[in-house]
Structure formats: structure tokens, C-alpha cells
PDB file of N, CA and C in Angstrom:
ATOM      1  N   MET A   1       1.057  -0.831  -0.412  1.00  0.00           N
ATOM      2  CA  MET A   1       0.036   0.024   0.071  1.00  0.00           C
ATOM      3  C   MET A   1       1.094   1.076   0.253  1.00  0.00           C
ATOM      4  N   THR A   2       0.386   2.099  -0.797  1.00  0.00           N
ATOM      5  CA  THR A   2       1.234   3.247  -0.895  1.00  0.00           C
ATOM      6  C   THR A   2       1.033   4.322  -0.144  1.00  0.00           C
ATOM      7  N   PHE A   3       2.272   5.358   0.567  1.00  0.00           N
ATOM      8  CA  PHE A   3       1.081   6.469   0.959  1.00  0.00           C
ATOM      9  C   PHE A   3       0.088   7.069   1.237  1.00  0.00           C
ATOM     10  N   ALA A   4       0.048   7.623  -0.580  1.00  0.00           N
ATOM     11  CA  ALA A   4      -0.884   8.339  -0.584  1.00  0.00           C
ATOM     12  C   ALA A   4      -2.380   7.078   0.073  1.00  0.00           C
ATOM     13  N   GLU A   5      -2.465   6.166  -0.370  1.00  0.00           N
ATOM     14  CA  GLU A   5      -3.734   4.736   0.192  1.00  0.00           C
ATOM     15  C   GLU A   5      -3.571   5.079   1.111  1.00  0.00           C
ATOM     16  N   LYS A   6      -2.651   4.770   2.098  1.00  0.00           N
ATOM     17  CA  LYS A   6      -2.866   4.519   3.918  1.00  0.00           C
ATOM     18  C   LYS A   6      -3.090   6.566   4.128  1.00  0.00           C
ATOM     19  N   ILE A   7      -2.855   7.360   3.438  1.00  0.00           N
ATOM     20  CA  ILE A   7      -3.612   8.329   4.275  1.00  0.00           C
ATOM     21  C   ILE A   7      -4.994   8.548   3.547  1.00  0.00           C
ATOM     22  N   ARG A   8      -5.310   7.861   2.726  1.00  0.00           N
ATOM     23  CA  ARG A   8      -6.861   8.112   1.948  1.00  0.00           C
ATOM     24  C   ARG A   8      -7.491   6.960   3.060  1.00  0.00           C
ATOM     25  N   MET A   9      -7.165   5.920   3.000  1.00  0.00           N
ATOM     26  CA  MET A   9      -7.665   5.099   4.092  1.00  0.00           C
ATOM     27  C   MET A   9      -8.124   5.223   5.238  1.00  0.00           C
ATOM     28  N   LEU A  10      -7.007   5.835   5.912  1.00  0.00           N
ATOM     29  CA  LEU A  10      -7.141   6.294   7.318  1.00  0.00           C
ATOM     30  C   LEU A  10      -8.578   7.432   7.634  1.00  0.00           C
ATOM     31  N   ARG A  11      -8.286   8.019   6.517  1.00  0.00           N
ATOM     32  CA  ARG A  11      -9.474   9.816   6.591  1.00  0.00           C
ATOM     33  C   ARG A  11     -10.941   9.087   6.317  1.00  0.00           C
ATOM     34  N   ILE A  12     -11.006   7.970   5.366  1.00  0.00           N
ATOM     35  CA  ILE A  12     -12.162   7.335   5.450  1.00  0.00           C
ATOM     36  C   ILE A  12     -12.458   6.076   6.625  1.00  0.00           C
ATOM     37  N   GLU A  13     -11.597   5.427   7.334  1.00  0.00           N
ATOM     38  CA  GLU A  13     -12.013   4.723   8.906  1.00  0.00           C
ATOM     39  C   GLU A  13     -12.675   5.695   9.502  1.00  0.00           C
ATOM     40  N   ARG A  14     -12.213   7.129   9.427  1.00  0.00           N
ATOM     41  CA  ARG A  14     -13.113   7.817  10.877  1.00  0.00           C
ATOM     42  C   ARG A  14     -13.909   8.960   9.543  1.00  0.00           C
ATOM     43  N   ASN A  15     -13.880   8.189   8.501  1.00  0.00           N
ATOM     44  CA  ASN A  15     -15.880   9.171   8.262  1.00  0.00           C
ATOM     45  C   ASN A  15     -14.994  10.741   8.111  1.00  0.00           C
ATOM     46  N   LEU A  16     -13.837  10.771   7.450  1.00  0.00           N
ATOM     47  CA  LEU A  16     -13.830  12.038   8.020  1.00  0.00           C
ATOM     48  C   LEU A  16     -13.778  12.947   5.517  1.00  0.00           C
ATOM     49  N   SER A  17     -13.832  14.641   5.866  1.00  0.00           N
ATOM     50  CA  SER A  17     -14.070  14.934   4.533  1.00  0.00           C
ATOM     51  C   SER A  17     -12.551  15.158   4.656  1.00  0.00           C
ATOM     52  N   GLN A  18     -12.096  15.224   2.760  1.00  0.00           N
ATOM     53  CA  GLN A  18     -10.907  16.171   3.310  1.00  0.00           C
ATOM     54  C   GLN A  18     -10.472  17.061   3.673  1.00  0.00           C
ATOM     55  N   THR A  19     -11.532  18.194   3.692  1.00  0.00           N
ATOM     56  CA  THR A  19     -11.871  19.468   4.274  1.00  0.00           C
ATOM     57  C   THR A  19     -11.657  19.023   5.699  1.00  0.00           C
ATOM     58  N   ALA A  20     -12.451  18.352   6.157  1.00  0.00           N
ATOM     59  CA  ALA A  20     -12.345  17.990   8.055  1.00  0.00           C
ATOM     60  C   ALA A  20     -10.765  17.483   8.251  1.00  0.00           C
ATOM     61  N   ALA A  21     -10.143  16.400   7.715  1.00  0.00           N
ATOM     62  CA  ALA A  21      -9.261  15.983   7.706  1.00  0.00           C
ATOM     63  C   ALA A  21      -8.102  17.373   7.738  1.00  0.00           C
ATOM     64  N   GLY A  22      -8.384  17.889   6.873  1.00  0.00           N
ATOM     65  CA  GLY A  22      -6.850  19.182   6.471  1.00  0.00           C
ATOM     66  C   GLY A  22      -7.004  19.850   7.587  1.00  0.00           C
ATOM     67  N   GLU A  23      -8.153  20.502   8.064  1.00  0.00           N
ATOM     68  CA  GLU A  23      -8.266  20.978   8.904  1.00  0.00           C
ATOM     69  C   GLU A  23      -7.572  21.277  10.445  1.00  0.00           C
ATOM     70  N   GLY A  24      -7.698  19.615  10.779  1.00  0.00           N
ATOM     71  CA  GLY A  24      -7.574  18.285  11.956  1.00  0.00           C
ATOM     72  C   GLY A  24      -5.974  18.468  11.820  1.00  0.00           C
ATOM     73  N   MET A  25      -5.403  18.443  10.838  1.00  0.00           N
ATOM     74  CA  MET A  25      -3.689  18.369  10.295  1.00  0.00           C
ATOM     75  C   MET A  25      -3.105  19.391  10.567  1.00  0.00           C
ATOM     76  N   GLY A  26      -4.136  21.314   9.929  1.00  0.00           N
ATOM     77  CA  GLY A  26      -3.364  21.778   9.467  1.00  0.00           C
ATOM     78  C   GLY A  26      -3.007  22.184   8.555  1.00  0.00           C
ATOM     79  N   LEU A  27      -3.696  21.705   7.627  1.00  0.00           N
ATOM     80  CA  LEU A  27      -3.509  21.792   6.103  1.00  0.00           C
ATOM     81  C   LEU A  27      -4.747  21.479   5.105  1.00  0.00           C
ATOM     82  N   SER A  28      -4.476  22.844   4.100  1.00  0.00           N
ATOM     83  CA  SER A  28      -5.540  22.434   2.994  1.00  0.00           C
ATOM     84  C   SER A  28      -6.011  21.623   2.444  1.00  0.00           C
ATOM     85  N   MET A  29      -7.410  22.003   1.745  1.00  0.00           N
ATOM     86  CA  MET A  29      -8.125  21.015   1.657  1.00  0.00           C
ATOM     87  C   MET A  29      -6.966  20.603   0.405  1.00  0.00           C
ATOM     88  N   ARG A  30      -6.724  21.344  -0.556  1.00  0.00           N
ATOM     89  CA  ARG A  30      -5.920  21.289  -1.880  1.00  0.00           C
ATOM     90  C   ARG A  30      -4.019  20.242  -1.274  1.00  0.00           C
ATOM     91  N   GLY A  31      -3.875  20.312   0.189  1.00  0.00           N
ATOM     92  CA  GLY A  31      -3.011  20.200  -0.085  1.00  0.00           C
ATOM     93  C   GLY A  31      -2.941  18.764   0.682  1.00  0.00           C
ATOM     94  N   LEU A  32      -3.746  18.302   1.131  1.00  0.00           N
ATOM     95  CA  LEU A  32      -4.601  16.974   1.322  1.00  0.00           C
ATOM     96  C   LEU A  32      -4.763  15.842   0.359  1.00  0.00           C
ATOM     97  N   GLN A  33      -5.347  16.910  -0.615  1.00  0.00           N
ATOM     98  CA  GLN A  33      -5.569  15.955  -1.836  1.00  0.00           C
ATOM     99  C   GLN A  33      -4.155  15.840  -2.616  1.00  0.00           C
ATOM    100  N   ASP A  34      -3.656  16.749  -2.764  1.00  0.00           N
ATOM    101  CA  ASP A  34      -1.948  16.339  -3.171  1.00  0.00           C
ATOM    102  C   ASP A  34      -1.708  15.172  -2.919  1.00  0.00           C
ATOM    103  N   ILE A  35      -1.305  15.267  -1.256  1.00  0.00           N
ATOM    104  CA  ILE A  35      -1.398  14.329  -0.108  1.00  0.00           C
ATOM    105  C   ILE A  35      -1.791  12.663  -1.208  1.00  0.00           C
ATOM    106  N   GLU A  36      -3.190  12.937  -1.575  1.00  0.00           N
ATOM    107  CA  GLU A  36      -3.325  11.606  -1.634  1.00  0.00           C
ATOM    108  C   GLU A  36      -3.830  11.101  -2.966  1.00  0.00           C
ATOM    109  N   LEU A  37      -3.101  11.848  -3.884  1.00  0.00           N
ATOM    110  CA  LEU A  37      -2.828  11.563  -5.362  1.00  0.00           C
ATOM    111  C   LEU A  37      -1.742  11.361  -5.225  1.00  0.00           C
ATOM    112  N   GLY A  38      -0.782  11.048  -3.990  1.00  0.00           N
ATOM    113  CA  GLY A  38       0.621  11.115  -4.362  1.00  0.00           C
ATOM    114  C   GLY A  38       1.643  11.907  -4.197  1.00  0.00           C
ATOM    115  N   LYS A  39       1.579  13.007  -4.069  1.00  0.00           N
ATOM    116  CA  LYS A  39       2.643  13.668  -3.352  1.00  0.00           C
ATOM    117  C   LYS A  39       2.627  13.734  -2.138  1.00  0.00           C
ATOM    118  N   LEU A  40       4.709  13.417  -2.014  1.00  0.00           N
ATOM    119  CA  LEU A  40       5.255  13.487  -0.230  1.00  0.00           C
ATOM    120  C   LEU A  40       5.206  14.513   0.275  1.00  0.00           C
ATOM    121  N   PRO A  41       4.019  14.423   1.766  1.00  0.00           N
ATOM    122  CA  PRO A  41       4.300  15.793   2.466  1.00  0.00           C
ATOM    123  C   PRO A  41       5.875  15.988   2.780  1.00  0.00           C
ATOM    124  N   ARG A  42       5.922  17.754   2.741  1.00  0.00           N
ATOM    125  CA  ARG A  42       7.282  17.816   3.865  1.00  0.00           C
ATOM    126  C   ARG A  42       6.987  17.012   5.245  1.00  0.00           C
ATOM    127  N   TYR A  43       8.447  17.660   5.778  1.00  0.00           N
ATOM    128  CA  TYR A  43       8.527  16.879   6.743  1.00  0.00           C
ATOM    129  C   TYR A  43       7.897  17.234   7.870  1.00  0.00           C
ATOM    130  N   GLU A  44       7.457  18.562   8.096  1.00  0.00           N
ATOM    131  CA  GLU A  44       6.206  19.299   9.217  1.00  0.00           C
ATOM    132  C   GLU A  44       4.864  18.261   9.000  1.00  0.00           C
ATOM    133  N   SER A  45       4.664  18.697   7.860  1.00  0.00           N
ATOM    134  CA  SER A  45       3.067  17.397   7.463  1.00  0.00           C
ATOM    135  C   SER A  45       2.780  16.789   8.006  1.00  0.00           C
ATOM    136  N   LEU A  46       3.836  15.930   7.596  1.00  0.00           N
ATOM    137  CA  LEU A  46       4.519  14.264   7.765  1.00  0.00           C
ATOM    138  C   LEU A  46       4.039  13.849   9.675  1.00  0.00           C
ATOM    139  N   LEU A  47       4.623  14.837   9.940  1.00  0.00           N
ATOM    140  CA  LEU A  47       4.981  14.989  11.820  1.00  0.00           C
ATOM    141  C   LEU A  47       3.293  15.076  12.368  1.00  0.00           C
ATOM    142  N   ARG A  48       2.300  16.222  11.239  1.00  0.00           N
ATOM    143  CA  ARG A  48       1.118  16.397  11.613  1.00  0.00           C
ATOM    144  C   ARG A  48       0.334  15.459  11.563  1.00  0.00           C
ATOM    145  N   ILE A  49       0.795  14.847  10.347  1.00  0.00           N
ATOM    146  CA  ILE A  49      -0.174  13.246  10.095  1.00  0.00           C
ATOM    147  C   ILE A  49      -0.207  12.423  10.904  1.00  0.00           C
ATOM    148  N   ALA A  50       1.089  12.063  11.105  1.00  0.00           N
ATOM    149  CA  ALA A  50       1.250  11.189  11.990  1.00  0.00           C
ATOM    150  C   ALA A  50       0.200  11.426  13.547  1.00  0.00           C
ATOM    151  N   ASP A  51       0.677  12.151  13.970  1.00  0.00           N
ATOM    152  CA  ASP A  51       0.307  12.312  15.146  1.00  0.00           C
ATOM    153  C   ASP A  51      -1.631  12.454  15.305  1.00  0.00           C
ATOM    154  N   PHE A  52      -2.146  13.371  14.011  1.00  0.00           N
ATOM    155  CA  PHE A  52      -3.363  13.416  13.972  1.00  0.00           C
ATOM    156  C   PHE A  52      -4.083  11.959  13.913  1.00  0.00           C
ATOM    157  N   TYR A  53      -2.969  10.731  12.844  1.00  0.00           N
ATOM    158  CA  TYR A  53      -3.991   9.703  12.721  1.00  0.00           C
ATOM    159  C   TYR A  53      -3.148   8.816  13.937  1.00  0.00           C
ATOM    160  N   ASP A  54      -2.440   9.254  15.026  1.00  0.00           N
ATOM    161  CA  ASP A  54      -1.845   8.416  15.777  1.00  0.00           C
ATOM    162  C   ASP A  54      -1.480   7.256  15.514  1.00  0.00           C
ATOM    163  N   VAL A  55      -0.723   7.560  13.997  1.00  0.00           N
ATOM    164  CA  VAL A  55       0.031   6.502  13.600  1.00  0.00           C
ATOM    165  C   VAL A  55       1.726   6.458  13.537  1.00  0.00           C
ATOM    166  N   SER A  56       2.118   5.652  13.353  1.00  0.00           N
ATOM    167  CA  SER A  56       3.693   5.869  12.986  1.00  0.00           C
ATOM    168  C   SER A  56       3.902   6.280  11.804  1.00  0.00           C
ATOM    169  N   ILE A  57       5.357   7.417  11.635  1.00  0.00           N
ATOM    170  CA  ILE A  57       5.755   7.776  10.119  1.00  0.00           C
ATOM    171  C   ILE A  57       5.893   6.328   9.790  1.00  0.00           C
ATOM    172  N   ASP A  58       6.685   5.471  10.380  1.00  0.00           N
ATOM    173  CA  ASP A  58       7.517   4.493   9.675  1.00  0.00           C
ATOM    174  C   ASP A  58       6.352   3.613   9.222  1.00  0.00           C
ATOM    175  N   TRP A  59       5.364   3.814   9.656  1.00  0.00           N
ATOM    176  CA  TRP A  59       3.775   2.714   9.013  1.00  0.00           C
ATOM    177  C   TRP A  59       3.979   3.723   7.765  1.00  0.00           C
ATOM    178  N   LEU A  60       3.967   4.672   7.986  1.00  0.00           N
ATOM    179  CA  LEU A  60       3.154   5.690   7.033  1.00  0.00           C
ATOM    180  C   LEU A  60       4.581   5.462   5.336  1.00  0.00           C
ATOM    181  N   MET A  61       5.376   5.217   6.077  1.00  0.00           N
ATOM    182  CA  MET A  61       6.360   4.893   5.013  1.00  0.00           C
ATOM    183  C   MET A  61       6.327   4.056   4.346  1.00  0.00           C
ATOM    184  N   GLY A  62       6.004   3.114   4.875  1.00  0.00           N
ATOM    185  CA  GLY A  62       5.990   1.807   4.620  1.00  0.00           C
ATOM    186  C   GLY A  62       7.881   0.717   5.047  1.00  0.00           C
ATOM    187  N   ARG A  63       7.826   1.187   6.514  1.00  0.00           N
ATOM    188  CA  ARG A  63       8.924   0.813   6.759  1.00  0.00           C
ATOM    189  C   ARG A  63       8.874  -0.506   7.924  1.00  0.00           C
ATOM    190  N   THR A  64       7.440  -0.763   8.364  1.00  0.00           N
ATOM    191  CA  THR A  64       7.470  -1.759   8.923  1.00  0.00           C
ATOM    192  C   THR A  64       5.427  -1.749   8.400  1.00  0.00           C
ATOM    193  N   GLU A  65       4.902  -3.199   8.742  1.00  0.00           N
ATOM    194  CA  GLU A  65       3.756  -3.277   9.105  1.00  0.00           C
ATOM    195  C   GLU A  65       2.584  -3.004  10.101  1.00  0.00           C
ATOM    196  N   ARG A  66       3.542  -2.744  11.293  1.00  0.00           N
ATOM    197  CA  ARG A  66       2.895  -2.103  12.550  1.00  0.00           C
ATOM    198  C   ARG A  66       2.618  -0.745  12.924  1.00  0.00           C
ATOM    199  N   ARG A  67       1.278  -0.430  12.426  1.00  0.00           N
ATOM    200  CA  ARG A  67       0.476   1.133  12.668  1.00  0.00           C
ATOM    201  C   ARG A  67       1.309   1.672  14.068  1.00  0.00           C
ATOM    202  N   ASP A  68       1.162   0.816  14.760  1.00  0.00           N
ATOM    203  CA  ASP A  68       1.910   1.552  16.210  1.00  0.00           C
ATOM    204  C   ASP A  68       2.713   1.435  16.724  1.00  0.00           C
ATOM    205  N   ALA A  69       3.649   0.913  15.818  1.00  0.00           N
ATOM    206  CA  ALA A  69       5.446   0.995  15.979  1.00  0.00           C
ATOM    207  C   ALA A  69       5.936   2.110  16.743  1.00  0.00           C
ATOM    208  N   HIS A  70       5.377   3.520  16.714  1.00  0.00           N
ATOM    209  CA  HIS A  70       5.944   4.391  17.806  1.00  0.00           C
ATOM    210  C   HIS A  70       5.678   4.055  19.204  1.00  0.00           C
ATOM    211  N   ARG A  71       4.331   3.662  19.543  1.00  0.00           N
ATOM    212  CA  ARG A  71       4.341   2.773  21.016  1.00  0.00           C
ATOM    213  C   ARG A  71       4.838   2.004  21.595  1.00  0.00           C
ATOM    214  N   LEU A  72       5.815   1.761  22.829  1.00  0.00           N
ATOM    215  CA  LEU A  72       6.955   1.099  23.115  1.00  0.00           C
ATOM    216  C   LEU A  72       6.028   0.358  24.203  1.00  0.00           C
TER     217      LEU A  72
END
């Protein structure tokens, strides 16, 4: 699963519109649309996305299969 697919899946799992999810992460709707279409976010946005969805950056980036790898 690609980064963009994971971001879209997380948003849909929480039943959020792109507008609501973007606002929750401090991103514009267009910024979130770009990410869901495959554009990789800047570092600061990546941190906000991981925090908003409470998932690890390593999972988002495909380095682990565990969403919660950030919790020990």
C-alpha cells in the first residue's frame, strides 16, 4: 500500500471529509488532496499527519507493517 493510499484509508476509516481531515492536521484541503494523489508531504506535515491519525511515521512510509510502532 502506498503512502497516498494509507492517508486516504485513514481518512475514510474515520469518516472524515478532506476538508475536515485537512483542518485537523493544519493542512489545506488542496494540500491533503495533493498528498492523497501521491505527492509526498514536507517533514512538518508528515509529523502532523502521524500525530493526527496516531500512527507511526515508519508505517506511513512503508518501513513497518505495524501502525503503532511508535508506542513501546
